[in-house]
Amino acid sequence: MADTKHAPFAGYSPDMDARSHEATYGGFIRFVEITTVVVICLVLTLAVGGIKHAWLTSIFGVILALASGAVGAMSPSVGVKAPATVAILLLLALIFY
């Protein structure tokens, strides 16, 4: 096993960037969650446009999905809730339109 207690490469230590790595990993996970829900929203808008022939609603859904994804990415407290709300609205539009 490698010996990480000694500094072979200019002062490396195992806990050198632990907080930074954890923050980066947390941001990546949040990004993936938000992006996944936005992609689900886009698929639902295509379904609303293709199945229900409501293309204006579909265009509005795309704009709303992208805007809510941006809001979720910029505000950690909102996060995935904003695009998830749009996904629920699009699902209801697909069912009841």
Protein backbone atom coordinates (compact mmCIF):
# COMPACT_ATOMS: atom_id res chain seq x y z
CA MET A 1 0.00 0.00 0.00
CA ALA A 2 1.10 3.56 -0.61
CA ASP A 3 2.58 5.52 2.25
CA THR A 4 0.68 8.83 2.39
CA LYS A 5 2.14 10.01 5.69
CA HIS A 6 5.32 11.18 4.03
CA ALA A 7 5.42 13.91 1.42
CA PRO A 8 6.53 12.35 -1.87
CA PHE A 9 4.92 15.08 -3.99
CA ALA A 10 5.42 18.54 -2.46
CA GLY A 11 3.51 18.22 0.77
CA TYR A 12 0.63 15.90 -0.09
CA SER A 13 -1.49 14.72 2.79
CA PRO A 14 -4.72 12.70 2.67
CA ASP A 15 -6.80 15.43 4.28
CA MET A 16 -5.38 18.19 2.09
CA ASP A 17 -8.62 19.12 0.29
CA ALA A 18 -11.28 17.08 2.07
CA ARG A 19 -13.71 19.97 2.54
CA SER A 20 -13.21 21.18 -1.00
CA HIS A 21 -13.77 17.70 -2.43
CA GLU A 22 -16.90 17.20 -0.35
CA ALA A 23 -18.30 20.56 -1.49
CA THR A 24 -17.54 19.76 -5.12
CA TYR A 25 -19.15 16.33 -4.82
CA GLY A 26 -22.24 17.83 -3.18
CA GLY A 27 -22.53 20.41 -5.96
CA PHE A 28 -22.16 17.73 -8.60
CA ILE A 29 -24.89 15.60 -7.04
CA ARG A 30 -27.23 18.62 -6.84
CA PHE A 31 -26.47 19.43 -10.50
CA VAL A 32 -27.26 15.86 -11.60
CA GLU A 33 -30.53 15.82 -9.66
CA ILE A 34 -31.71 19.12 -11.12
CA THR A 35 -30.62 18.17 -14.65
CA THR A 36 -32.43 14.83 -14.42
CA VAL A 37 -35.70 16.48 -13.41
CA VAL A 38 -35.35 19.13 -16.14
CA VAL A 39 -34.83 16.38 -18.74
CA ILE A 40 -37.94 14.62 -17.41
CA CYS A 41 -39.79 17.93 -17.84
CA LEU A 42 -38.59 18.20 -21.44
CA VAL A 43 -39.75 14.66 -22.19
CA LEU A 44 -43.14 15.49 -20.67
CA THR A 45 -43.40 18.62 -22.83
CA LEU A 46 -42.75 16.51 -25.91
CA ALA A 47 -45.46 14.12 -24.75
CA VAL A 48 -47.92 16.98 -24.19
CA GLY A 49 -47.17 18.36 -27.64
CA GLY A 50 -47.15 15.03 -29.43
CA ILE A 51 -50.03 13.24 -27.75
CA LYS A 52 -52.37 16.10 -26.91
CA HIS A 53 -51.32 18.36 -29.83
CA ALA A 54 -50.94 21.26 -27.40
CA TRP A 55 -47.75 22.72 -28.79
CA LEU A 56 -48.19 26.15 -27.21
CA THR A 57 -48.48 24.49 -23.82
CA SER A 58 -45.42 22.46 -24.71
CA ILE A 59 -43.41 25.57 -25.62
CA PHE A 60 -44.48 27.23 -22.38
CA GLY A 61 -43.48 24.06 -20.52
CA VAL A 62 -39.99 24.11 -22.05
CA ILE A 63 -39.47 27.73 -21.04
CA LEU A 64 -40.83 27.06 -17.56
CA ALA A 65 -38.69 23.92 -17.14
CA LEU A 66 -35.48 25.69 -18.13
CA ALA A 67 -36.24 28.71 -15.94
CA SER A 68 -37.09 26.54 -12.94
CA GLY A 69 -33.91 24.54 -13.48
CA ALA A 70 -31.89 27.76 -13.41
CA VAL A 71 -33.66 28.90 -10.24
CA GLY A 72 -33.02 25.52 -8.62
CA ALA A 73 -29.35 25.63 -9.58
CA MET A 74 -28.85 29.13 -8.22
CA SER A 75 -30.74 28.63 -4.97
CA PRO A 76 -29.63 25.64 -2.88
CA SER A 77 -32.68 25.90 -0.63
CA VAL A 78 -35.01 25.46 -3.62
CA GLY A 79 -32.90 22.88 -5.44
CA VAL A 80 -34.85 20.20 -7.23
CA LYS A 81 -38.24 21.38 -5.92
CA ALA A 82 -38.72 23.99 -8.66
CA PRO A 83 -38.31 21.69 -11.68
CA ALA A 84 -40.19 18.92 -9.85
CA THR A 85 -43.17 21.26 -9.52
CA VAL A 86 -43.05 21.94 -13.26
CA ALA A 87 -42.85 18.18 -13.92
CA ILE A 88 -45.98 17.62 -11.84
CA LEU A 89 -47.81 20.39 -13.70
CA LEU A 90 -46.80 18.93 -17.05
CA LEU A 91 -47.88 15.47 -15.96
CA LEU A 92 -51.27 16.88 -14.95
CA ALA A 93 -51.50 18.65 -18.31
CA LEU A 94 -50.74 15.36 -20.04
CA ILE A 95 -53.43 13.54 -18.07
CA PHE A 96 -56.22 16.13 -18.01
CA TYR A 97 -55.66 18.29 -21.09
